Amino acid sequence: MWRDKFKIVSLTQFWADVRWEEPNLSDLWKEATIALLPFPTTYLCEAGFSTLVMVKTKYQNQLQPEYDLRCALTTIILDFDKLVIQVQGQGSH
C-alpha cells in the first residue's frame, strides 16, 4: 500500500501520511524528516537572499526591507479586480 501511495503523492504528503496513519513507524518518520528537511530550508534561504540582493539596490537602499521582501517572496496570487470591487471609492466633497 505504501509503495503505491509513494508513487502517486508528493514526497512531503507521503511522509505526512506515514506520520498520521502509522504511529508504529514514528522512528522511520523522524529519520526521514531529519534527512529531508535541510533541502527545502536551504532552498528558501537561498531564494530569500537572492531576492534581498535584488530589492536592496543602490537606488532602493532601505534600512528595513521586510515589507518589500514579504511582497517579493509571497506565493499568494492577488486578485486585483476583486480587491478593487471591494474598496469603496471616495465620494465627492
N, C-alpha and C. Protein backbone atom coordinates (compact mmCIF):
# COMPACT_ATOMS: atom_id res chain seq x y z
N MET A 1 0.82 -1.18 0.00
CA MET A 1 0.00 0.00 0.00
C MET A 1 0.87 1.26 0.00
N TRP A 2 1.90 1.29 0.84
CA TRP A 2 2.74 2.48 0.94
C TRP A 2 3.56 2.69 -0.32
N ARG A 3 3.97 1.60 -0.96
CA ARG A 3 4.73 1.73 -2.20
C ARG A 3 3.88 2.39 -3.29
N ASP A 4 2.62 1.98 -3.39
CA ASP A 4 1.73 2.58 -4.38
C ASP A 4 1.45 4.05 -4.06
N LYS A 5 1.26 4.35 -2.78
CA LYS A 5 1.00 5.73 -2.38
C LYS A 5 2.20 6.62 -2.66
N PHE A 6 3.41 6.08 -2.46
CA PHE A 6 4.63 6.82 -2.71
C PHE A 6 4.73 7.26 -4.17
N LYS A 7 4.20 6.43 -5.07
CA LYS A 7 4.27 6.73 -6.50
C LYS A 7 3.30 7.82 -6.93
N ILE A 8 2.21 8.03 -6.19
CA ILE A 8 1.18 8.95 -6.67
C ILE A 8 1.10 10.27 -5.91
N VAL A 9 1.67 10.35 -4.71
CA VAL A 9 1.59 11.60 -3.95
C VAL A 9 2.99 12.22 -3.86
N SER A 10 3.03 13.49 -3.46
CA SER A 10 4.33 14.16 -3.30
C SER A 10 5.08 13.56 -2.11
N LEU A 11 6.36 13.82 -2.07
CA LEU A 11 7.20 13.28 -1.00
C LEU A 11 6.76 13.79 0.37
N THR A 12 6.45 15.07 0.46
CA THR A 12 6.03 15.62 1.75
C THR A 12 4.68 15.06 2.17
N GLN A 13 3.77 14.90 1.22
CA GLN A 13 2.46 14.32 1.55
C GLN A 13 2.61 12.87 1.99
N PHE A 14 3.50 12.14 1.35
CA PHE A 14 3.73 10.74 1.72
C PHE A 14 4.18 10.62 3.17
N TRP A 15 5.18 11.42 3.56
CA TRP A 15 5.69 11.31 4.93
C TRP A 15 4.70 11.87 5.95
N ALA A 16 3.90 12.83 5.56
CA ALA A 16 2.85 13.31 6.46
C ALA A 16 1.82 12.22 6.69
N ASP A 17 1.47 11.47 5.65
CA ASP A 17 0.53 10.37 5.80
C ASP A 17 1.11 9.25 6.66
N VAL A 18 2.39 8.97 6.46
CA VAL A 18 3.04 7.93 7.29
C VAL A 18 2.98 8.33 8.75
N ARG A 19 3.22 9.60 9.02
CA ARG A 19 3.23 10.07 10.41
C ARG A 19 1.87 9.86 11.07
N TRP A 20 0.79 10.21 10.36
CA TRP A 20 -0.53 10.17 10.98
C TRP A 20 -1.20 8.80 10.89
N GLU A 21 -0.91 8.01 9.86
CA GLU A 21 -1.60 6.74 9.67
C GLU A 21 -0.87 5.55 10.27
N GLU A 22 0.42 5.67 10.49
CA GLU A 22 1.22 4.56 11.01
C GLU A 22 2.03 5.00 12.23
N PRO A 23 1.42 5.07 13.41
CA PRO A 23 2.16 5.52 14.59
C PRO A 23 3.35 4.62 14.93
N ASN A 24 3.28 3.35 14.54
CA ASN A 24 4.39 2.44 14.85
C ASN A 24 5.62 2.72 13.98
N LEU A 25 5.49 3.56 12.97
CA LEU A 25 6.64 3.93 12.13
C LEU A 25 7.18 5.32 12.48
N SER A 26 6.94 5.78 13.70
CA SER A 26 7.35 7.12 14.08
C SER A 26 8.87 7.30 14.02
N ASP A 27 9.63 6.25 14.33
CA ASP A 27 11.09 6.36 14.26
C ASP A 27 11.54 6.57 12.81
N LEU A 28 10.91 5.85 11.89
CA LEU A 28 11.24 6.00 10.48
C LEU A 28 10.88 7.40 9.99
N TRP A 29 9.73 7.92 10.43
CA TRP A 29 9.30 9.26 10.05
C TRP A 29 10.29 10.30 10.57
N LYS A 30 10.76 10.14 11.79
CA LYS A 30 11.73 11.09 12.35
C LYS A 30 13.03 11.10 11.54
N GLU A 31 13.51 9.93 11.16
CA GLU A 31 14.73 9.84 10.37
C GLU A 31 14.54 10.47 8.99
N ALA A 32 13.38 10.25 8.39
CA ALA A 32 13.10 10.85 7.09
C ALA A 32 13.05 12.37 7.20
N THR A 33 12.46 12.86 8.26
CA THR A 33 12.37 14.31 8.46
C THR A 33 13.76 14.92 8.61
N ILE A 34 14.61 14.27 9.37
CA ILE A 34 15.97 14.77 9.57
C ILE A 34 16.74 14.78 8.24
N ALA A 35 16.52 13.76 7.42
CA ALA A 35 17.23 13.67 6.15
C ALA A 35 16.70 14.64 5.11
N LEU A 36 15.38 14.90 5.09
CA LEU A 36 14.78 15.69 4.03
C LEU A 36 14.63 17.18 4.35
N LEU A 37 14.59 17.55 5.61
CA LEU A 37 14.32 18.94 5.99
C LEU A 37 15.36 19.94 5.52
N PRO A 38 16.65 19.63 5.49
CA PRO A 38 17.62 20.64 5.05
C PRO A 38 17.43 21.13 3.61
N PHE A 39 16.87 20.31 2.74
CA PHE A 39 16.76 20.69 1.33
C PHE A 39 15.80 21.85 1.11
N PRO A 40 14.54 21.79 1.57
CA PRO A 40 13.67 22.95 1.34
C PRO A 40 14.08 24.18 2.14
N THR A 41 14.62 23.99 3.32
CA THR A 41 15.00 25.16 4.10
C THR A 41 16.20 25.86 3.47
N THR A 42 17.14 25.11 2.93
CA THR A 42 18.28 25.71 2.24
C THR A 42 17.81 26.45 1.00
N TYR A 43 16.90 25.85 0.26
CA TYR A 43 16.37 26.50 -0.95
C TYR A 43 15.67 27.81 -0.58
N LEU A 44 14.86 27.79 0.47
CA LEU A 44 14.14 29.00 0.87
C LEU A 44 15.11 30.10 1.32
N CYS A 45 16.16 29.72 2.02
CA CYS A 45 17.15 30.72 2.43
C CYS A 45 17.86 31.33 1.23
N GLU A 46 18.23 30.49 0.26
CA GLU A 46 18.90 30.99 -0.95
C GLU A 46 17.97 31.89 -1.74
N ALA A 47 16.70 31.51 -1.86
CA ALA A 47 15.72 32.33 -2.59
C ALA A 47 15.53 33.67 -1.88
N GLY A 48 15.46 33.64 -0.57
CA GLY A 48 15.32 34.87 0.20
C GLY A 48 16.51 35.79 0.04
N PHE A 49 17.70 35.23 0.07
CA PHE A 49 18.90 36.05 -0.08
C PHE A 49 18.98 36.66 -1.48
N SER A 50 18.66 35.87 -2.49
CA SER A 50 18.69 36.39 -3.87
C SER A 50 17.69 37.53 -4.04
N THR A 51 16.52 37.37 -3.44
CA THR A 51 15.51 38.43 -3.51
C THR A 51 15.98 39.67 -2.77
N LEU A 52 16.61 39.49 -1.63
CA LEU A 52 17.13 40.62 -0.87
C LEU A 52 18.16 41.39 -1.68
N VAL A 53 19.01 40.69 -2.40
CA VAL A 53 20.02 41.35 -3.23
C VAL A 53 19.35 42.18 -4.31
N MET A 54 18.25 41.67 -4.89
CA MET A 54 17.54 42.43 -5.92
C MET A 54 16.83 43.64 -5.32
N VAL A 55 16.24 43.48 -4.13
CA VAL A 55 15.47 44.56 -3.51
C VAL A 55 16.39 45.68 -3.03
N LYS A 56 17.51 45.33 -2.45
CA LYS A 56 18.40 46.34 -1.88
C LYS A 56 19.45 46.77 -2.90
N THR A 57 19.02 47.51 -3.89
CA THR A 57 19.95 48.08 -4.84
C THR A 57 20.42 49.43 -4.31
N LYS A 58 21.37 50.02 -4.97
CA LYS A 58 21.84 51.32 -4.50
C LYS A 58 20.79 52.39 -4.67
N TYR A 59 19.79 52.17 -5.54
CA TYR A 59 18.72 53.13 -5.73
C TYR A 59 17.58 52.92 -4.73
N GLN A 60 17.52 51.75 -4.15
CA GLN A 60 16.42 51.43 -3.25
C GLN A 60 16.98 50.86 -1.95
N ASN A 61 17.95 51.53 -1.39
CA ASN A 61 18.63 51.04 -0.21
C ASN A 61 17.89 51.51 1.04
N GLN A 62 17.04 50.65 1.57
CA GLN A 62 16.29 50.96 2.78
C GLN A 62 16.91 50.20 3.94
N LEU A 63 16.75 50.74 5.12
CA LEU A 63 17.28 50.06 6.29
C LEU A 63 16.43 48.87 6.71
N GLN A 64 15.13 48.90 6.41
CA GLN A 64 14.23 47.82 6.82
C GLN A 64 13.48 47.29 5.60
N PRO A 65 14.01 46.26 4.94
CA PRO A 65 13.39 45.76 3.72
C PRO A 65 12.33 44.68 3.94
N GLU A 66 11.81 44.53 5.18
CA GLU A 66 10.91 43.42 5.48
C GLU A 66 9.67 43.41 4.60
N TYR A 67 9.05 44.58 4.41
CA TYR A 67 7.81 44.64 3.65
C TYR A 67 8.05 44.34 2.17
N ASP A 68 9.15 44.86 1.64
CA ASP A 68 9.48 44.56 0.25
C ASP A 68 9.77 43.08 0.06
N LEU A 69 10.49 42.48 1.01
CA LEU A 69 10.78 41.05 0.93
C LEU A 69 9.51 40.22 1.05
N ARG A 70 8.63 40.61 1.94
CA ARG A 70 7.38 39.87 2.11
C ARG A 70 6.59 39.84 0.81
N CYS A 71 6.52 40.99 0.15
CA CYS A 71 5.79 41.06 -1.13
C CYS A 71 6.51 40.26 -2.21
N ALA A 72 7.83 40.31 -2.22
CA ALA A 72 8.60 39.63 -3.27
C ALA A 72 8.61 38.11 -3.10
N LEU A 73 8.56 37.63 -1.86
CA LEU A 73 8.68 36.20 -1.60
C LEU A 73 7.35 35.47 -1.44
N THR A 74 6.23 36.18 -1.40
CA THR A 74 4.96 35.52 -1.15
C THR A 74 4.55 34.63 -2.32
N THR A 75 3.84 33.58 -2.02
CA THR A 75 3.31 32.69 -3.06
C THR A 75 1.83 32.97 -3.28
N ILE A 76 1.29 33.95 -2.57
CA ILE A 76 -0.12 34.30 -2.72
C ILE A 76 -0.29 35.12 -3.99
N ILE A 77 -1.26 34.75 -4.79
CA ILE A 77 -1.55 35.48 -6.02
C ILE A 77 -2.73 36.40 -5.74
N LEU A 78 -2.50 37.68 -5.89
CA LEU A 78 -3.54 38.66 -5.60
C LEU A 78 -4.51 38.80 -6.76
N ASP A 79 -5.79 38.92 -6.44
CA ASP A 79 -6.83 39.16 -7.43
C ASP A 79 -7.18 40.64 -7.34
N PHE A 80 -6.50 41.47 -8.12
CA PHE A 80 -6.66 42.92 -8.03
C PHE A 80 -8.08 43.36 -8.40
N ASP A 81 -8.70 42.67 -9.36
CA ASP A 81 -10.06 43.04 -9.73
C ASP A 81 -11.02 42.88 -8.55
N LYS A 82 -10.87 41.81 -7.81
CA LYS A 82 -11.72 41.57 -6.63
C LYS A 82 -11.44 42.62 -5.55
N LEU A 83 -10.16 42.96 -5.37
CA LEU A 83 -9.81 43.97 -4.37
C LEU A 83 -10.39 45.33 -4.73
N VAL A 84 -10.35 45.68 -6.00
CA VAL A 84 -10.87 46.98 -6.43
C VAL A 84 -12.38 47.04 -6.23
N ILE A 85 -13.07 45.96 -6.49
CA ILE A 85 -14.53 45.93 -6.31
C ILE A 85 -14.89 46.09 -4.84
N GLN A 86 -14.11 45.52 -3.94
CA GLN A 86 -14.42 45.55 -2.52
C GLN A 86 -14.13 46.90 -1.87
N VAL A 87 -13.29 47.73 -2.47
CA VAL A 87 -12.93 49.02 -1.88
C VAL A 87 -13.93 50.07 -2.34
N GLN A 88 -14.44 50.80 -1.36
CA GLN A 88 -15.38 51.86 -1.69
C GLN A 88 -14.61 53.11 -2.10
N GLY A 89 -15.00 53.66 -3.23
CA GLY A 89 -14.35 54.86 -3.72
C GLY A 89 -14.67 56.06 -2.85
N GLN A 90 -13.78 57.03 -2.83
CA GLN A 90 -14.01 58.22 -2.01
C GLN A 90 -15.05 59.09 -2.72
N GLY A 91 -16.08 59.47 -1.98
CA GLY A 91 -17.12 60.31 -2.54
C GLY A 91 -16.66 61.74 -2.71
N SER A 92 -17.42 62.51 -3.47
CA SER A 92 -17.04 63.91 -3.67
C SER A 92 -17.37 64.70 -2.41
N HIS A 93 -16.72 65.82 -2.25
CA HIS A 93 -16.91 66.63 -1.05
C HIS A 93 -18.07 67.53 -1.19
